[in-house]
Amino acid sequence: MSAVGSTVAGGISDSDFASLRSIALRELGIEISGEKKSLLVSRLAKRLRHLGLDGFSEYTELLNTGQSAEELEEFVACVTTNVTRFFREPHHFDHLETQLIPDIEKRASRGEQVRLWSSACSTGEEPYSAAMILARHLSDRALSNVKILASDVNVKVLEAAQSAEYPKSEADAARADLRGFFQPSPNDPGRVVLADKVRNLVTFRYMNLAKTWPVRGPFDAIFCRNVAIYFPQNVQEDLWVKFAKVLRKNGSMYIGHSERLAGPANTRFRFLGSTMYQLTN
């Protein structure tokens, strides 16, 4: 039994919760509020039981000493939220379809490389939604020069995303003209898998937005939706500046409905409408 600190059965001490908050901020840039304490304890209690640890003090020590990279991945999975669906916030995809597709077709058809980035892609619905729009409208010649980078800090959701397999109900809820991109799964009659034409447009990669990015751009469009709200204000402002550096001029950025562009990057973007921005300089 742990001599000090909190136990699984007894909950978590203020000092142990503060340690977990510090780890989340250091590793992910995420600020965990006191309101999320019970949820976090519930998720992590399963990890403590799995590891055979008596208390949260032992767990925070394990994370802080860097003894287990695998457990840090498990911690990330417990801390992050992965609520998503196909064509969530549809006005972003309407903008992509009506405003960006004509220019993308023209440039990609003459051999220019066009890149989009889904920066917190979760289980893949967001980048695959964009890919379906592209596959629906672009010529084969243009598609050969278009790629979507899909990244996330949670390796578990990236594995799920790469399978491109989803419940059939998600396909049934898609637009009628896009349902043809969903095919019956050979593994489960209640599931569907996306067509290769869509899957081949997307490349998945682990990436931590709070750390140094292994990408340089330029991107024609960036999706960063319902992510910044989990960061403290200074990290949010740094994030918008970093996105501006990898967007091409006149490129589009789509953010979450609860998020607002703020800080130095504000002067570099033009507001296009609800949660949509265009880089101007």
Protein backbone atom coordinates (compact mmCIF):
# COMPACT_ATOMS: atom_id res chain seq x y z
CA MET A 1 0.00 0.00 0.00
CA SER A 2 1.27 3.47 -0.86
CA ALA A 3 2.34 5.25 2.31
CA VAL A 4 1.44 8.72 1.09
CA GLY A 5 -0.83 10.23 -1.51
CA SER A 6 -4.16 8.97 -2.79
CA THR A 7 -5.42 5.45 -3.45
CA VAL A 8 -7.64 4.08 -6.19
CA ALA A 9 -10.42 3.28 -3.74
CA GLY A 10 -10.12 6.55 -1.84
CA GLY A 11 -10.01 8.89 -4.82
CA ILE A 12 -7.23 11.35 -5.56
CA SER A 13 -5.49 13.89 -3.36
CA ASP A 14 -5.18 17.53 -4.35
CA SER A 15 -1.42 17.14 -4.76
CA ASP A 16 -1.74 14.10 -7.04
CA PHE A 17 -4.40 15.83 -9.14
CA ALA A 18 -2.12 18.85 -9.42
CA SER A 19 0.67 16.54 -10.61
CA LEU A 20 -1.54 15.02 -13.29
CA ARG A 21 -2.62 18.48 -14.42
CA SER A 22 1.04 19.49 -14.65
CA ILE A 23 1.87 16.43 -16.74
CA ALA A 24 -1.03 17.10 -19.12
CA LEU A 25 0.06 20.71 -19.54
CA ARG A 26 3.71 19.80 -20.04
CA GLU A 27 3.17 16.93 -22.46
CA LEU A 28 0.04 18.03 -24.32
CA GLY A 29 -0.45 21.72 -23.65
CA ILE A 30 -3.86 20.77 -22.23
CA GLU A 31 -5.27 22.56 -19.22
CA ILE A 32 -7.45 20.24 -17.13
CA SER A 33 -10.05 22.07 -15.07
CA GLY A 34 -11.21 20.99 -11.64
CA GLU A 35 -14.57 20.13 -13.19
CA LYS A 36 -12.91 17.26 -15.07
CA LYS A 37 -11.40 15.75 -11.93
CA SER A 38 -13.97 12.97 -11.44
CA LEU A 39 -13.91 12.02 -15.12
CA LEU A 40 -10.12 11.84 -15.18
CA VAL A 41 -9.98 9.78 -11.98
CA SER A 42 -12.55 7.36 -13.38
CA ARG A 43 -10.56 6.85 -16.57
CA LEU A 44 -7.17 6.54 -14.87
CA ALA A 45 -8.41 4.18 -12.14
CA LYS A 46 -8.61 1.47 -14.81
CA ARG A 47 -4.97 2.08 -15.68
CA LEU A 48 -3.88 1.83 -12.04
CA ARG A 49 -5.68 -1.47 -11.66
CA HIS A 50 -4.16 -2.75 -14.89
CA LEU A 51 -0.66 -1.79 -13.71
CA GLY A 52 -1.21 -3.12 -10.20
CA LEU A 53 -0.50 0.25 -8.59
CA ASP A 54 -1.94 1.13 -5.21
CA GLY A 55 -2.32 4.86 -5.71
CA PHE A 56 -2.07 7.90 -7.95
CA SER A 57 1.24 8.95 -6.39
CA GLU A 58 2.88 5.86 -7.88
CA TYR A 59 1.22 6.56 -11.21
CA THR A 60 2.38 10.18 -11.42
CA GLU A 61 5.90 9.02 -10.51
CA LEU A 62 5.78 6.49 -13.35
CA LEU A 63 4.82 9.22 -15.82
CA ASN A 64 7.28 11.81 -14.49
CA THR A 65 10.29 9.50 -14.56
CA GLY A 66 9.67 8.54 -18.18
CA GLN A 67 9.95 4.84 -17.36
CA SER A 68 7.12 3.90 -19.71
CA ALA A 69 6.50 5.57 -23.06
CA GLU A 70 3.60 3.18 -23.55
CA GLU A 71 1.92 4.38 -20.36
CA LEU A 72 2.29 7.99 -21.44
CA GLU A 73 0.33 7.02 -24.57
CA GLU A 74 -2.34 5.49 -22.33
CA PHE A 75 -2.44 8.69 -20.28
CA VAL A 76 -2.89 10.73 -23.45
CA ALA A 77 -5.80 8.50 -24.46
CA CYS A 78 -7.43 9.05 -21.05
CA VAL A 79 -6.95 12.83 -21.12
CA THR A 80 -8.03 13.60 -24.69
CA THR A 81 -11.61 13.85 -25.92
CA ASN A 82 -12.53 12.22 -29.23
CA VAL A 83 -16.05 13.30 -30.10
CA THR A 84 -16.43 13.47 -33.86
CA ARG A 85 -18.62 12.49 -36.80
CA PHE A 86 -18.65 12.80 -40.56
CA PHE A 87 -19.30 16.34 -41.84
CA ARG A 88 -19.47 17.81 -38.35
CA GLU A 89 -19.98 21.58 -38.67
CA PRO A 90 -21.10 21.18 -42.29
CA HIS A 91 -20.56 24.83 -43.25
CA HIS A 92 -16.81 24.15 -43.25
CA PHE A 93 -17.22 21.45 -45.86
CA ASP A 94 -19.66 23.62 -47.81
CA HIS A 95 -16.93 26.28 -47.94
CA LEU A 96 -14.35 23.74 -49.07
CA GLU A 97 -16.72 22.48 -51.75
CA THR A 98 -17.95 25.78 -53.13
CA GLN A 99 -15.01 28.13 -52.57
CA LEU A 100 -11.83 26.05 -52.66
CA ILE A 101 -12.55 23.16 -55.04
CA PRO A 102 -12.47 25.25 -58.28
CA ASP A 103 -9.02 26.67 -57.47
CA ILE A 104 -7.73 23.29 -56.26
CA GLU A 105 -8.85 21.64 -59.52
CA LYS A 106 -7.13 24.29 -61.62
CA ARG A 107 -3.83 24.25 -59.74
CA ALA A 108 -3.61 20.50 -59.12
CA SER A 109 -4.48 19.71 -62.75
CA ARG A 110 -1.42 21.64 -63.91
CA GLY A 111 0.81 19.74 -61.51
CA GLU A 112 0.87 21.92 -58.39
CA GLN A 113 0.92 20.11 -55.07
CA VAL A 114 -2.16 20.85 -52.94
CA ARG A 115 -2.13 19.96 -49.26
CA LEU A 116 -4.78 20.04 -46.54
CA TRP A 117 -4.23 19.33 -42.85
CA SER A 118 -6.64 17.83 -40.33
CA SER A 119 -4.57 18.67 -37.27
CA ALA A 120 -6.56 16.78 -34.62
CA CYS A 121 -8.17 14.09 -36.71
CA SER A 122 -9.37 11.72 -33.96
CA THR A 123 -10.83 8.55 -35.52
CA GLY A 124 -10.67 9.98 -39.04
CA GLU A 125 -14.15 11.27 -39.80
CA GLU A 126 -12.91 14.82 -40.37
CA PRO A 127 -10.14 14.14 -42.93
CA TYR A 128 -12.22 11.49 -44.68
CA SER A 129 -15.10 13.98 -44.97
CA ALA A 130 -12.77 16.39 -46.74
CA ALA A 131 -11.41 13.53 -48.86
CA MET A 132 -14.91 12.56 -50.00
CA ILE A 133 -15.57 16.14 -51.12
CA LEU A 134 -12.30 16.17 -53.06
CA ALA A 135 -12.91 12.74 -54.60
CA ARG A 136 -16.45 13.75 -55.56
CA HIS A 137 -15.42 16.84 -57.52
CA LEU A 138 -11.79 16.64 -58.67
CA SER A 139 -10.54 15.01 -61.84
CA ASP A 140 -8.21 12.02 -61.53
CA ARG A 141 -5.34 14.19 -62.78
CA ALA A 142 -5.96 16.75 -60.04
CA LEU A 143 -6.42 14.09 -57.35
CA SER A 144 -2.96 12.70 -58.10
CA ASN A 145 -1.50 15.97 -56.77
CA VAL A 146 -3.69 16.35 -53.69
CA LYS A 147 -3.00 14.98 -50.21
CA ILE A 148 -4.52 15.37 -46.76
CA LEU A 149 -2.30 15.12 -43.71
CA ALA A 150 -4.29 13.82 -40.72
CA SER A 151 -2.58 14.01 -37.34
CA ASP A 152 -3.42 13.39 -33.71
CA VAL A 153 -1.65 13.04 -30.37
CA ASN A 154 -3.58 9.88 -29.51
CA VAL A 155 -2.08 6.79 -31.17
CA LYS A 156 -5.14 4.69 -30.37
CA VAL A 157 -7.49 6.85 -32.42
CA LEU A 158 -4.95 6.99 -35.25
CA GLU A 159 -5.00 3.20 -35.45
CA ALA A 160 -8.79 3.25 -35.66
CA ALA A 161 -8.70 5.99 -38.31
CA GLN A 162 -6.31 4.06 -40.53
CA SER A 163 -8.74 1.15 -40.69
CA ALA A 164 -11.31 3.50 -42.31
CA GLU A 165 -14.06 1.26 -40.92
CA TYR A 166 -17.19 2.68 -39.27
CA PRO A 167 -20.69 1.71 -38.13
CA LYS A 168 -23.12 1.49 -41.05
CA SER A 169 -25.32 4.11 -39.35
CA GLU A 170 -22.62 6.74 -40.01
CA ALA A 171 -22.76 6.05 -43.74
CA ASP A 172 -26.56 6.17 -43.71
CA ALA A 173 -26.35 9.69 -42.25
CA ALA A 174 -24.01 10.93 -44.98
CA ARG A 175 -25.12 12.96 -47.99
CA ALA A 176 -26.80 10.84 -50.63
CA ASP A 177 -24.24 11.75 -53.32
CA LEU A 178 -21.38 10.61 -51.08
CA ARG A 179 -22.75 7.32 -49.75
CA GLY A 180 -21.24 5.49 -52.69
CA PHE A 181 -17.83 5.95 -51.11
CA PHE A 182 -18.85 3.61 -48.28
CA GLN A 183 -18.61 -0.12 -48.97
CA PRO A 184 -19.75 -3.11 -46.87
CA SER A 185 -17.07 -4.23 -44.47
CA PRO A 186 -15.79 -7.77 -45.14
CA ASN A 187 -15.39 -8.19 -41.38
CA ASP A 188 -18.76 -7.09 -40.02
CA PRO A 189 -22.16 -6.71 -41.77
CA GLY A 190 -22.99 -3.84 -39.40
CA ARG A 191 -19.99 -1.81 -40.51
CA VAL A 192 -18.72 -0.11 -43.66
CA VAL A 193 -15.28 0.74 -45.00
CA LEU A 194 -14.32 3.72 -47.13
CA ALA A 195 -13.33 3.25 -50.77
CA ASP A 196 -9.65 3.31 -51.71
CA LYS A 197 -10.17 6.48 -53.74
CA VAL A 198 -10.94 8.28 -50.47
CA ARG A 199 -8.48 6.43 -48.22
CA ASN A 200 -5.56 7.02 -50.56
CA LEU A 201 -5.90 10.79 -50.22
CA VAL A 202 -5.22 10.70 -46.48
CA THR A 203 -1.93 10.12 -44.66
CA PHE A 204 -2.08 9.65 -40.90
CA ARG A 205 0.73 10.73 -38.59
CA TYR A 206 1.26 11.09 -34.86
CA MET A 207 1.75 14.74 -33.95
CA ASN A 208 1.63 16.75 -30.75
CA LEU A 209 0.42 20.29 -31.43
CA ALA A 210 2.04 21.50 -28.20
CA LYS A 211 5.49 20.36 -29.35
CA THR A 212 7.69 21.08 -32.39
CA TRP A 213 5.88 20.23 -35.63
CA PRO A 214 7.59 18.01 -38.23
CA VAL A 215 5.71 19.78 -41.03
CA ARG A 216 6.51 22.86 -43.06
CA GLY A 217 3.53 23.30 -45.36
CA PRO A 218 2.31 25.20 -47.15
CA PHE A 219 -1.24 23.98 -46.66
CA ASP A 220 -4.24 25.23 -48.62
CA ALA A 221 -6.58 24.54 -45.71
CA ILE A 222 -6.19 23.58 -42.08
CA PHE A 223 -8.85 22.07 -39.83
CA CYS A 224 -8.21 22.64 -36.12
CA ARG A 225 -11.60 22.23 -34.51
CA ASN A 226 -12.51 21.86 -30.85
CA VAL A 227 -8.87 21.53 -29.83
CA ALA A 228 -7.71 24.99 -28.80
CA ILE A 229 -10.44 25.20 -26.16
CA TYR A 230 -8.44 22.71 -24.08
CA PHE A 231 -5.30 24.89 -24.18
CA PRO A 232 -4.53 27.86 -21.92
CA GLN A 233 -4.74 31.26 -23.63
CA ASN A 234 -1.01 31.63 -24.32
CA VAL A 235 -0.83 28.19 -25.95
CA GLN A 236 -3.89 29.02 -28.06
CA GLU A 237 -2.31 32.23 -29.29
CA ASP A 238 0.94 30.45 -30.14
CA LEU A 239 -1.07 27.80 -32.01
CA TRP A 240 -2.74 30.33 -34.32
CA VAL A 241 0.64 31.94 -35.07
CA LYS A 242 2.16 28.55 -35.94
CA PHE A 243 -0.76 27.73 -38.23
CA ALA A 244 -0.30 31.06 -40.02
CA LYS A 245 3.31 30.09 -40.74
CA VAL A 246 2.35 26.87 -42.55
CA LEU A 247 -0.73 28.12 -44.42
CA ARG A 248 -0.27 29.39 -47.94
CA LYS A 249 -1.41 32.96 -48.56
CA ASN A 250 -5.21 33.05 -48.95
CA GLY A 251 -5.40 29.60 -47.37
CA SER A 252 -8.37 28.73 -45.16
CA MET A 253 -8.47 27.76 -41.51
CA TYR A 254 -11.48 26.13 -39.87
CA ILE A 255 -11.83 26.15 -36.07
CA GLY A 256 -14.38 24.90 -33.53
CA HIS A 257 -17.67 26.56 -32.70
CA SER A 258 -16.50 27.45 -29.18
CA GLU A 259 -13.15 28.86 -30.30
CA ARG A 260 -12.04 32.34 -31.28
CA LEU A 261 -8.93 33.58 -33.02
CA ALA A 262 -6.94 35.80 -30.64
CA GLY A 263 -3.48 37.25 -30.13
CA PRO A 264 -0.86 38.33 -32.70
CA ALA A 265 -2.26 36.07 -35.45
CA ASN A 266 -5.48 38.06 -35.47
CA THR A 267 -3.98 40.65 -37.79
CA ARG A 268 -2.99 37.99 -40.33
CA PHE A 269 -6.43 36.49 -40.90
CA ARG A 270 -9.64 37.71 -42.44
CA PHE A 271 -12.89 36.52 -40.88
CA LEU A 272 -14.94 34.65 -43.51
CA GLY A 273 -17.95 33.75 -41.39
CA SER A 274 -18.73 31.47 -38.50
CA THR A 275 -15.42 29.83 -37.38
CA MET A 276 -13.79 30.29 -40.78
CA TYR A 277 -10.71 32.41 -41.54
CA GLN A 278 -8.48 33.24 -44.51
CA LEU A 279 -4.77 34.04 -44.22
CA THR A 280 -4.15 37.44 -45.79
CA ASN A 281 -0.47 38.11 -45.09
